Amino acid sequence: MMNKRKNRLQAILELLSSNSIGSQDELLQMLALRGFMVTQATLSRDLKSLRTIKVATDLGGYRYVVPSASGHANVDDITENIPSTVQSGTHQAVVSMAISGNIVVLKTRTGYASGLAYDIDQLAAPFILGTIPGAADTVIAIVAEGTDRGEIFEYFRGFLPDDVIDAARDQFM
C-alpha cells in the first residue's frame, strides 16, 4: 500500500513540476492518464502531505507548487515521515526575520510561506500562538506577550538559517 502511495506522490511531484496545474480536477485527469485512479479526497490528502500551495501565475491564474528548501522535492523525504511531521534541518528558503512587539515576520523566497507556516505550527512552541502565511513569501508568527526575544532567536536556531537569525539578532538586540 505504501509503495502505491509513494509512486502516486512521485507522479504528482513530476506532474506539478513540469506542468502548470491550477485545479484538482485537472490533476486527477493527468493522474488517470498515468494509471492512478484516485478520489478527490485522496488527492486532497496527497496534496496536503506534499505541502502544496497555490501561487499566482504571470497569466493571472493559479497553479500548484511544492516548495522545498533545495528547489526540488524528493518523495522519499516526504513518505519517510508519514504521517507528516516537521522535516529536520534548516529552512534555507527563509531570507529574513524581523520582530516587532509580539509579531515575528519571516520573509521567504516566493512560494515557501505556506509550508514554512505549517512547519512552525508543527513545532508547537509554547510561546508561538499561531502563524499566518502570506500569499507567497511572508509568514507572520504571533508570539505570546512577554516572550524574551533572545528565547525566540535561540528557539529558531537550527530551524532557520544561522545568518538570518544572526542578522535579526544584530538588528533587534
N, C-alpha and C. Protein backbone atom coordinates (compact mmCIF):
# COMPACT_ATOMS: atom_id res chain seq x y z
N MET A 1 0.82 -1.20 0.00
CA MET A 1 0.00 0.00 0.00
C MET A 1 0.87 1.26 0.00
N MET A 2 1.89 1.29 0.85
CA MET A 2 2.76 2.45 0.93
C MET A 2 3.49 2.67 -0.39
N ASN A 3 3.88 1.55 -1.07
CA ASN A 3 4.56 1.67 -2.36
C ASN A 3 3.67 2.34 -3.39
N LYS A 4 2.38 1.97 -3.40
CA LYS A 4 1.42 2.56 -4.33
C LYS A 4 1.29 4.06 -4.06
N ARG A 5 1.20 4.41 -2.79
CA ARG A 5 1.08 5.83 -2.43
C ARG A 5 2.37 6.57 -2.80
N LYS A 6 3.49 5.96 -2.51
CA LYS A 6 4.77 6.59 -2.82
C LYS A 6 4.88 6.84 -4.33
N ASN A 7 4.47 5.86 -5.14
CA ASN A 7 4.50 6.03 -6.60
C ASN A 7 3.56 7.15 -7.04
N ARG A 8 2.39 7.21 -6.41
CA ARG A 8 1.42 8.25 -6.76
C ARG A 8 1.96 9.63 -6.38
N LEU A 9 2.56 9.74 -5.19
CA LEU A 9 3.13 11.02 -4.77
C LEU A 9 4.25 11.45 -5.71
N GLN A 10 5.05 10.50 -6.14
CA GLN A 10 6.12 10.82 -7.09
C GLN A 10 5.53 11.33 -8.40
N ALA A 11 4.46 10.69 -8.86
CA ALA A 11 3.80 11.12 -10.10
C ALA A 11 3.24 12.54 -9.94
N ILE A 12 2.67 12.82 -8.79
CA ILE A 12 2.13 14.16 -8.53
C ILE A 12 3.26 15.19 -8.57
N LEU A 13 4.38 14.88 -7.92
CA LEU A 13 5.53 15.79 -7.93
C LEU A 13 6.00 16.06 -9.35
N GLU A 14 6.11 15.00 -10.15
CA GLU A 14 6.56 15.16 -11.53
C GLU A 14 5.58 16.00 -12.33
N LEU A 15 4.29 15.74 -12.18
CA LEU A 15 3.27 16.49 -12.91
C LEU A 15 3.28 17.97 -12.52
N LEU A 16 3.37 18.25 -11.23
CA LEU A 16 3.35 19.63 -10.77
C LEU A 16 4.61 20.39 -11.16
N SER A 17 5.73 19.69 -11.23
CA SER A 17 6.97 20.38 -11.58
C SER A 17 7.12 20.62 -13.08
N SER A 18 6.39 19.87 -13.88
CA SER A 18 6.55 20.03 -15.33
C SER A 18 5.31 20.61 -16.03
N ASN A 19 4.27 20.93 -15.27
CA ASN A 19 3.03 21.47 -15.84
C ASN A 19 2.50 22.58 -14.95
N SER A 20 1.71 23.46 -15.53
CA SER A 20 1.02 24.49 -14.77
C SER A 20 -0.39 23.98 -14.51
N ILE A 21 -0.59 23.39 -13.33
CA ILE A 21 -1.86 22.75 -12.99
C ILE A 21 -2.56 23.63 -11.95
N GLY A 22 -3.77 24.08 -12.30
CA GLY A 22 -4.47 25.01 -11.44
C GLY A 22 -5.65 24.45 -10.68
N SER A 23 -6.01 23.18 -10.93
CA SER A 23 -7.16 22.62 -10.21
C SER A 23 -6.94 21.14 -9.91
N GLN A 24 -7.64 20.65 -8.90
CA GLN A 24 -7.55 19.24 -8.57
C GLN A 24 -8.15 18.39 -9.67
N ASP A 25 -9.21 18.88 -10.32
CA ASP A 25 -9.81 18.13 -11.43
C ASP A 25 -8.79 17.90 -12.55
N GLU A 26 -8.05 18.93 -12.87
CA GLU A 26 -7.03 18.83 -13.91
C GLU A 26 -5.95 17.81 -13.51
N LEU A 27 -5.55 17.86 -12.25
CA LEU A 27 -4.54 16.92 -11.76
C LEU A 27 -5.08 15.50 -11.73
N LEU A 28 -6.35 15.32 -11.34
CA LEU A 28 -6.96 13.99 -11.35
C LEU A 28 -6.94 13.38 -12.76
N GLN A 29 -7.25 14.19 -13.77
CA GLN A 29 -7.24 13.72 -15.15
C GLN A 29 -5.84 13.31 -15.59
N MET A 30 -4.84 14.11 -15.22
CA MET A 30 -3.46 13.78 -15.60
C MET A 30 -2.98 12.52 -14.89
N LEU A 31 -3.38 12.36 -13.63
CA LEU A 31 -3.02 11.13 -12.90
C LEU A 31 -3.69 9.92 -13.53
N ALA A 32 -4.95 10.06 -13.95
CA ALA A 32 -5.67 8.95 -14.59
C ALA A 32 -4.95 8.52 -15.87
N LEU A 33 -4.42 9.47 -16.61
CA LEU A 33 -3.67 9.14 -17.82
C LEU A 33 -2.41 8.31 -17.50
N ARG A 34 -1.91 8.45 -16.30
CA ARG A 34 -0.75 7.68 -15.84
C ARG A 34 -1.15 6.41 -15.12
N GLY A 35 -2.46 6.14 -15.05
CA GLY A 35 -2.93 4.91 -14.43
C GLY A 35 -3.28 5.00 -12.96
N PHE A 36 -3.30 6.19 -12.41
CA PHE A 36 -3.63 6.38 -11.00
C PHE A 36 -5.08 6.84 -10.90
N MET A 37 -5.96 5.96 -10.46
CA MET A 37 -7.37 6.29 -10.29
C MET A 37 -7.60 6.56 -8.80
N VAL A 38 -7.77 7.82 -8.45
CA VAL A 38 -7.96 8.20 -7.04
C VAL A 38 -9.17 9.12 -6.91
N THR A 39 -9.69 9.18 -5.71
CA THR A 39 -10.80 10.09 -5.43
C THR A 39 -10.25 11.49 -5.18
N GLN A 40 -11.14 12.46 -5.22
CA GLN A 40 -10.75 13.84 -4.93
C GLN A 40 -10.26 13.94 -3.49
N ALA A 41 -10.90 13.22 -2.57
CA ALA A 41 -10.49 13.26 -1.16
C ALA A 41 -9.06 12.73 -0.98
N THR A 42 -8.74 11.64 -1.67
CA THR A 42 -7.37 11.09 -1.60
C THR A 42 -6.38 12.07 -2.18
N LEU A 43 -6.73 12.66 -3.32
CA LEU A 43 -5.83 13.65 -3.94
C LEU A 43 -5.62 14.83 -3.00
N SER A 44 -6.68 15.27 -2.37
CA SER A 44 -6.58 16.39 -1.44
C SER A 44 -5.62 16.07 -0.29
N ARG A 45 -5.71 14.84 0.25
CA ARG A 45 -4.78 14.42 1.31
C ARG A 45 -3.35 14.35 0.79
N ASP A 46 -3.18 13.85 -0.44
CA ASP A 46 -1.84 13.79 -1.03
C ASP A 46 -1.25 15.18 -1.19
N LEU A 47 -2.05 16.11 -1.68
CA LEU A 47 -1.57 17.49 -1.87
C LEU A 47 -1.18 18.11 -0.53
N LYS A 48 -1.96 17.80 0.51
CA LYS A 48 -1.63 18.31 1.84
C LYS A 48 -0.33 17.70 2.36
N SER A 49 -0.15 16.40 2.17
CA SER A 49 1.08 15.76 2.67
C SER A 49 2.31 16.25 1.91
N LEU A 50 2.12 16.66 0.65
CA LEU A 50 3.23 17.22 -0.13
C LEU A 50 3.43 18.70 0.17
N ARG A 51 2.53 19.27 0.98
CA ARG A 51 2.56 20.67 1.36
C ARG A 51 2.46 21.60 0.15
N THR A 52 1.66 21.20 -0.82
CA THR A 52 1.49 22.04 -2.00
C THR A 52 0.77 23.32 -1.63
N ILE A 53 1.04 24.34 -2.41
CA ILE A 53 0.35 25.61 -2.26
C ILE A 53 -0.01 26.10 -3.65
N LYS A 54 -0.97 26.98 -3.71
CA LYS A 54 -1.33 27.60 -4.99
C LYS A 54 -0.69 28.98 -5.03
N VAL A 55 -0.01 29.27 -6.13
CA VAL A 55 0.59 30.58 -6.31
C VAL A 55 0.07 31.19 -7.60
N ALA A 56 0.08 32.50 -7.65
CA ALA A 56 -0.38 33.22 -8.83
C ALA A 56 0.60 33.00 -9.98
N THR A 57 0.07 32.90 -11.19
CA THR A 57 0.91 32.79 -12.39
C THR A 57 0.98 34.15 -13.06
N ASP A 58 1.90 34.28 -13.99
CA ASP A 58 2.04 35.52 -14.74
C ASP A 58 0.82 35.80 -15.61
N LEU A 59 0.04 34.76 -15.92
CA LEU A 59 -1.12 34.91 -16.78
C LEU A 59 -2.40 35.22 -16.02
N GLY A 60 -2.31 35.45 -14.71
CA GLY A 60 -3.46 35.81 -13.92
C GLY A 60 -4.18 34.65 -13.26
N GLY A 61 -3.77 33.43 -13.52
CA GLY A 61 -4.38 32.26 -12.89
C GLY A 61 -3.58 31.82 -11.69
N TYR A 62 -3.79 30.57 -11.29
CA TYR A 62 -3.07 29.98 -10.18
C TYR A 62 -2.57 28.61 -10.58
N ARG A 63 -1.53 28.16 -9.90
CA ARG A 63 -1.01 26.81 -10.13
C ARG A 63 -0.51 26.24 -8.81
N TYR A 64 -0.52 24.91 -8.74
CA TYR A 64 0.02 24.23 -7.57
C TYR A 64 1.54 24.16 -7.67
N VAL A 65 2.21 24.38 -6.54
CA VAL A 65 3.66 24.19 -6.46
C VAL A 65 3.98 23.44 -5.17
N VAL A 66 5.11 22.78 -5.17
CA VAL A 66 5.59 22.06 -3.98
C VAL A 66 6.87 22.73 -3.53
N PRO A 67 6.79 23.57 -2.50
CA PRO A 67 8.01 24.24 -2.04
C PRO A 67 8.95 23.27 -1.36
N SER A 68 10.23 23.45 -1.58
CA SER A 68 11.26 22.69 -0.87
C SER A 68 12.49 23.54 -0.76
N ALA A 69 13.23 23.35 0.30
CA ALA A 69 14.42 24.16 0.53
C ALA A 69 15.46 23.98 -0.56
N SER A 70 15.54 22.81 -1.16
CA SER A 70 16.57 22.54 -2.16
C SER A 70 16.14 22.95 -3.55
N GLY A 71 14.86 23.37 -3.72
CA GLY A 71 14.39 23.75 -5.03
C GLY A 71 13.72 22.61 -5.77
N HIS A 72 13.87 21.38 -5.30
CA HIS A 72 13.16 20.25 -5.89
C HIS A 72 12.73 19.31 -4.77
N ALA A 73 11.57 18.78 -4.92
CA ALA A 73 11.02 17.91 -3.88
C ALA A 73 11.48 16.48 -4.09
N ASN A 74 11.65 15.76 -3.01
CA ASN A 74 12.06 14.37 -3.05
C ASN A 74 10.98 13.56 -2.34
N VAL A 75 10.34 12.67 -3.07
CA VAL A 75 9.25 11.89 -2.49
C VAL A 75 9.71 11.03 -1.32
N ASP A 76 10.96 10.58 -1.31
CA ASP A 76 11.46 9.78 -0.19
C ASP A 76 11.46 10.59 1.10
N ASP A 77 11.81 11.89 1.01
CA ASP A 77 11.78 12.74 2.19
C ASP A 77 10.37 12.89 2.72
N ILE A 78 9.41 12.90 1.80
CA ILE A 78 8.02 13.10 2.18
C ILE A 78 7.44 11.82 2.78
N THR A 79 7.61 10.71 2.10
CA THR A 79 6.99 9.47 2.56
C THR A 79 7.72 8.85 3.75
N GLU A 80 8.95 9.23 3.96
CA GLU A 80 9.72 8.68 5.06
C GLU A 80 9.07 8.98 6.41
N ASN A 81 8.41 10.12 6.53
CA ASN A 81 7.86 10.54 7.80
C ASN A 81 6.34 10.62 7.81
N ILE A 82 5.67 9.80 7.04
CA ILE A 82 4.21 9.79 7.06
C ILE A 82 3.77 9.16 8.38
N PRO A 83 2.87 9.73 9.20
CA PRO A 83 2.18 10.96 8.88
C PRO A 83 3.10 12.16 8.92
N SER A 84 2.70 13.20 8.24
CA SER A 84 3.54 14.37 8.03
C SER A 84 4.03 14.95 9.35
N THR A 85 5.34 15.15 9.44
CA THR A 85 5.93 15.80 10.60
C THR A 85 6.90 16.85 10.08
N VAL A 86 7.36 17.68 10.96
CA VAL A 86 8.30 18.70 10.56
C VAL A 86 9.60 18.03 10.14
N GLN A 87 10.06 18.36 8.95
CA GLN A 87 11.32 17.82 8.47
C GLN A 87 12.45 18.41 9.31
N SER A 88 13.44 17.58 9.62
CA SER A 88 14.57 18.11 10.34
C SER A 88 15.42 18.90 9.37
N GLY A 89 16.17 19.83 9.89
CA GLY A 89 17.03 20.62 9.03
C GLY A 89 16.57 22.06 8.96
N THR A 90 17.34 22.83 8.24
CA THR A 90 17.14 24.26 8.17
C THR A 90 16.30 24.64 6.97
N HIS A 91 15.40 25.58 7.16
CA HIS A 91 14.58 26.11 6.08
C HIS A 91 15.40 27.16 5.32
N GLN A 92 16.12 26.73 4.31
CA GLN A 92 17.00 27.62 3.57
C GLN A 92 16.26 28.65 2.75
N ALA A 93 14.96 28.48 2.54
CA ALA A 93 14.18 29.44 1.75
C ALA A 93 13.89 30.72 2.53
N VAL A 94 14.15 30.75 3.84
CA VAL A 94 13.91 31.95 4.64
C VAL A 94 15.05 32.93 4.40
N VAL A 95 14.69 34.16 4.03
CA VAL A 95 15.71 35.16 3.71
C VAL A 95 15.85 36.25 4.77
N SER A 96 14.82 36.45 5.60
CA SER A 96 14.96 37.44 6.67
C SER A 96 13.95 37.19 7.78
N MET A 97 14.29 37.77 8.94
CA MET A 97 13.45 37.65 10.13
C MET A 97 13.44 39.01 10.81
N ALA A 98 12.26 39.45 11.22
CA ALA A 98 12.14 40.70 11.96
C ALA A 98 11.13 40.50 13.08
N ILE A 99 11.33 41.23 14.18
CA ILE A 99 10.42 41.15 15.31
C ILE A 99 9.95 42.55 15.65
N SER A 100 8.64 42.69 15.83
CA SER A 100 8.04 43.94 16.26
C SER A 100 7.01 43.60 17.32
N GLY A 101 7.27 44.00 18.54
CA GLY A 101 6.35 43.66 19.63
C GLY A 101 6.25 42.16 19.77
N ASN A 102 5.05 41.62 19.63
CA ASN A 102 4.86 40.18 19.74
C ASN A 102 4.61 39.54 18.37
N ILE A 103 5.14 40.16 17.32
CA ILE A 103 4.98 39.64 15.96
C ILE A 103 6.36 39.36 15.37
N VAL A 104 6.51 38.14 14.84
CA VAL A 104 7.72 37.76 14.11
C VAL A 104 7.34 37.70 12.63
N VAL A 105 8.08 38.43 11.81
CA VAL A 105 7.82 38.43 10.37
C VAL A 105 8.99 37.72 9.69
N LEU A 106 8.66 36.66 8.96
CA LEU A 106 9.66 35.89 8.23
C LEU A 106 9.42 36.07 6.74
N LYS A 107 10.43 36.48 6.01
CA LYS A 107 10.34 36.61 4.55
C LYS A 107 11.02 35.38 3.95
N THR A 108 10.39 34.84 2.90
CA THR A 108 10.92 33.65 2.23
C THR A 108 11.05 33.92 0.74
N ARG A 109 11.69 33.00 0.06
CA ARG A 109 11.65 33.05 -1.40
C ARG A 109 10.20 32.77 -1.80
N THR A 110 9.80 33.23 -2.96
CA THR A 110 8.43 33.09 -3.42
C THR A 110 7.98 31.63 -3.42
N GLY A 111 6.81 31.39 -2.83
CA GLY A 111 6.21 30.07 -2.83
C GLY A 111 6.47 29.23 -1.60
N TYR A 112 7.22 29.74 -0.64
CA TYR A 112 7.60 28.93 0.51
C TYR A 112 6.87 29.27 1.80
N ALA A 113 6.08 30.34 1.81
CA ALA A 113 5.47 30.82 3.04
C ALA A 113 4.51 29.81 3.67
N SER A 114 3.66 29.21 2.88
CA SER A 114 2.66 28.29 3.43
C SER A 114 3.31 27.08 4.10
N GLY A 115 4.29 26.49 3.45
CA GLY A 115 4.99 25.34 4.02
C GLY A 115 5.73 25.70 5.29
N LEU A 116 6.35 26.87 5.31
CA LEU A 116 7.07 27.32 6.50
C LEU A 116 6.11 27.54 7.66
N ALA A 117 4.98 28.19 7.39
CA ALA A 117 3.98 28.42 8.45
C ALA A 117 3.51 27.09 9.03
N TYR A 118 3.26 26.13 8.15
CA TYR A 118 2.83 24.80 8.60
C TYR A 118 3.90 24.18 9.52
N ASP A 119 5.15 24.24 9.11
CA ASP A 119 6.23 23.65 9.91
C ASP A 119 6.37 24.36 11.26
N ILE A 120 6.23 25.67 11.28
CA ILE A 120 6.31 26.40 12.55
C ILE A 120 5.17 25.97 13.47
N ASP A 121 3.98 25.85 12.92
CA ASP A 121 2.84 25.39 13.72
C ASP A 121 3.09 24.00 14.28
N GLN A 122 3.76 23.14 13.51
CA GLN A 122 4.03 21.78 13.97
C GLN A 122 5.08 21.73 15.07
N LEU A 123 5.88 22.78 15.19
CA LEU A 123 6.88 22.83 16.26
C LEU A 123 6.21 22.86 17.64
N ALA A 124 5.02 23.41 17.70
CA ALA A 124 4.26 23.51 18.96
C ALA A 124 5.06 24.22 20.05
N ALA A 125 5.72 25.30 19.66
CA ALA A 125 6.45 26.11 20.64
C ALA A 125 5.45 26.70 21.63
N PRO A 126 5.74 26.65 22.92
CA PRO A 126 4.78 27.13 23.90
C PRO A 126 4.50 28.63 23.78
N PHE A 127 5.40 29.39 23.20
CA PHE A 127 5.20 30.84 23.11
C PHE A 127 4.70 31.30 21.75
N ILE A 128 4.58 30.41 20.77
CA ILE A 128 4.03 30.80 19.47
C ILE A 128 2.55 30.48 19.48
N LEU A 129 1.74 31.53 19.38
CA LEU A 129 0.29 31.36 19.45
C LEU A 129 -0.29 30.88 18.13
N GLY A 130 0.40 31.17 17.03
CA GLY A 130 -0.07 30.74 15.71
C GLY A 130 0.67 31.48 14.62
N THR A 131 0.44 31.04 13.39
CA THR A 131 1.08 31.67 12.24
C THR A 131 0.04 32.03 11.20
N ILE A 132 0.41 32.98 10.35
CA ILE A 132 -0.42 33.36 9.21
C ILE A 132 0.51 33.44 8.00
N PRO A 133 0.32 32.54 7.02
CA PRO A 133 1.15 32.65 5.82
C PRO A 133 0.57 33.70 4.88
N GLY A 134 1.45 34.47 4.25
CA GLY A 134 1.01 35.41 3.24
C GLY A 134 0.78 34.68 1.93
N ALA A 135 0.54 35.43 0.90
CA ALA A 135 0.24 34.84 -0.40
C ALA A 135 1.37 33.97 -0.92
N ALA A 136 2.60 34.38 -0.72
CA ALA A 136 3.68 33.59 -1.29
C ALA A 136 4.99 33.67 -0.52
N ASP A 137 5.30 34.82 0.09
CA ASP A 137 6.66 34.98 0.61
C ASP A 137 6.76 35.57 2.02
N THR A 138 5.69 35.59 2.78
CA THR A 138 5.75 36.17 4.12
C THR A 138 4.97 35.29 5.10
N VAL A 139 5.56 35.10 6.27
CA VAL A 139 4.88 34.39 7.36
C VAL A 139 4.90 35.32 8.57
N ILE A 140 3.75 35.46 9.19
CA ILE A 140 3.65 36.21 10.43
C ILE A 140 3.37 35.20 11.54
N ALA A 141 4.21 35.22 12.55
CA ALA A 141 4.02 34.37 13.73
C ALA A 141 3.69 35.28 14.91
N ILE A 142 2.62 34.96 15.59
CA ILE A 142 2.22 35.74 16.76
C ILE A 142 2.81 35.05 17.99
N VAL A 143 3.55 35.83 18.77
CA VAL A 143 4.26 35.32 19.94
C VAL A 143 3.56 35.82 21.21
N ALA A 144 3.49 34.98 22.21
CA ALA A 144 2.88 35.37 23.47
C ALA A 144 3.57 36.60 24.04
N GLU A 145 2.77 37.49 24.61
CA GLU A 145 3.32 38.70 25.21
C GLU A 145 4.31 38.34 26.30
N GLY A 146 5.36 39.13 26.39
CA GLY A 146 6.36 38.92 27.42
C GLY A 146 7.45 37.92 27.06
N THR A 147 7.37 37.33 25.88
CA THR A 147 8.41 36.37 25.46
C THR A 147 9.69 37.13 25.15
N ASP A 148 10.79 36.68 25.71
CA ASP A 148 12.09 37.30 25.50
C ASP A 148 12.55 37.07 24.06
N ARG A 149 13.03 38.12 23.40
CA ARG A 149 13.50 37.98 22.01
C ARG A 149 14.65 36.99 21.89
N GLY A 150 15.52 36.99 22.87
CA GLY A 150 16.63 36.04 22.85
C GLY A 150 16.13 34.60 22.82
N GLU A 151 15.05 34.33 23.55
CA GLU A 151 14.45 33.00 23.56
C GLU A 151 13.91 32.64 22.17
N ILE A 152 13.32 33.63 21.50
CA ILE A 152 12.79 33.41 20.15
C ILE A 152 13.93 33.06 19.20
N PHE A 153 15.00 33.85 19.24
CA PHE A 153 16.13 33.61 18.34
C PHE A 153 16.74 32.23 18.58
N GLU A 154 16.92 31.87 19.84
CA GLU A 154 17.52 30.57 20.15
C GLU A 154 16.60 29.41 19.76
N TYR A 155 15.31 29.60 19.93
CA TYR A 155 14.37 28.54 19.57
C TYR A 155 14.45 28.20 18.09
N PHE A 156 14.61 29.23 17.26
CA PHE A 156 14.64 29.02 15.81
C PHE A 156 16.02 28.64 15.27
N ARG A 157 17.05 28.66 16.11
CA ARG A 157 18.38 28.27 15.65
C ARG A 157 18.36 26.79 15.28
N GLY A 158 18.86 26.48 14.08
CA GLY A 158 18.82 25.12 13.57
C GLY A 158 17.59 24.86 12.72
N PHE A 159 16.57 25.70 12.89
CA PHE A 159 15.34 25.59 12.10
C PHE A 159 15.37 26.61 10.96
N LEU A 160 15.89 27.79 11.26
CA LEU A 160 16.10 28.83 10.26
C LEU A 160 17.59 28.98 10.03
N PRO A 161 18.01 29.50 8.88
CA PRO A 161 19.45 29.67 8.62
C PRO A 161 20.09 30.57 9.68
N ASP A 162 21.30 30.20 10.11
CA ASP A 162 22.01 30.96 11.13
C ASP A 162 22.21 32.41 10.73
N ASP A 163 22.53 32.67 9.44
CA ASP A 163 22.77 34.05 9.03
C ASP A 163 21.51 34.90 9.15
N VAL A 164 20.34 34.32 8.93
CA VAL A 164 19.08 35.04 9.09
C VAL A 164 18.85 35.38 10.56
N ILE A 165 19.07 34.42 11.43
CA ILE A 165 18.90 34.65 12.88
C ILE A 165 19.91 35.67 13.37
N ASP A 166 21.17 35.53 12.95
CA ASP A 166 22.21 36.46 13.40
C ASP A 166 21.93 37.89 12.94
N ALA A 167 21.48 38.07 11.70
CA ALA A 167 21.15 39.40 11.19
C ALA A 167 19.99 40.01 11.98
N ALA A 168 18.98 39.21 12.26
CA ALA A 168 17.84 39.70 13.03
C ALA A 168 18.25 40.04 14.45
N ARG A 169 19.07 39.20 15.05
CA ARG A 169 19.54 39.45 16.42
C ARG A 169 20.35 40.74 16.47
N ASP A 170 21.24 40.93 15.49
CA ASP A 170 22.05 42.14 15.45
C ASP A 170 21.20 43.41 15.31
N GLN A 171 20.12 43.29 14.54
CA GLN A 171 19.26 44.44 14.30
C GLN A 171 18.36 44.76 15.49
N PHE A 172 17.95 43.75 16.24
CA PHE A 172 16.94 43.96 17.25
C PHE A 172 17.41 43.79 18.68
N MET A 173 18.66 43.49 18.91
CA MET A 173 19.10 43.28 20.30
C MET A 173 20.11 44.32 20.68
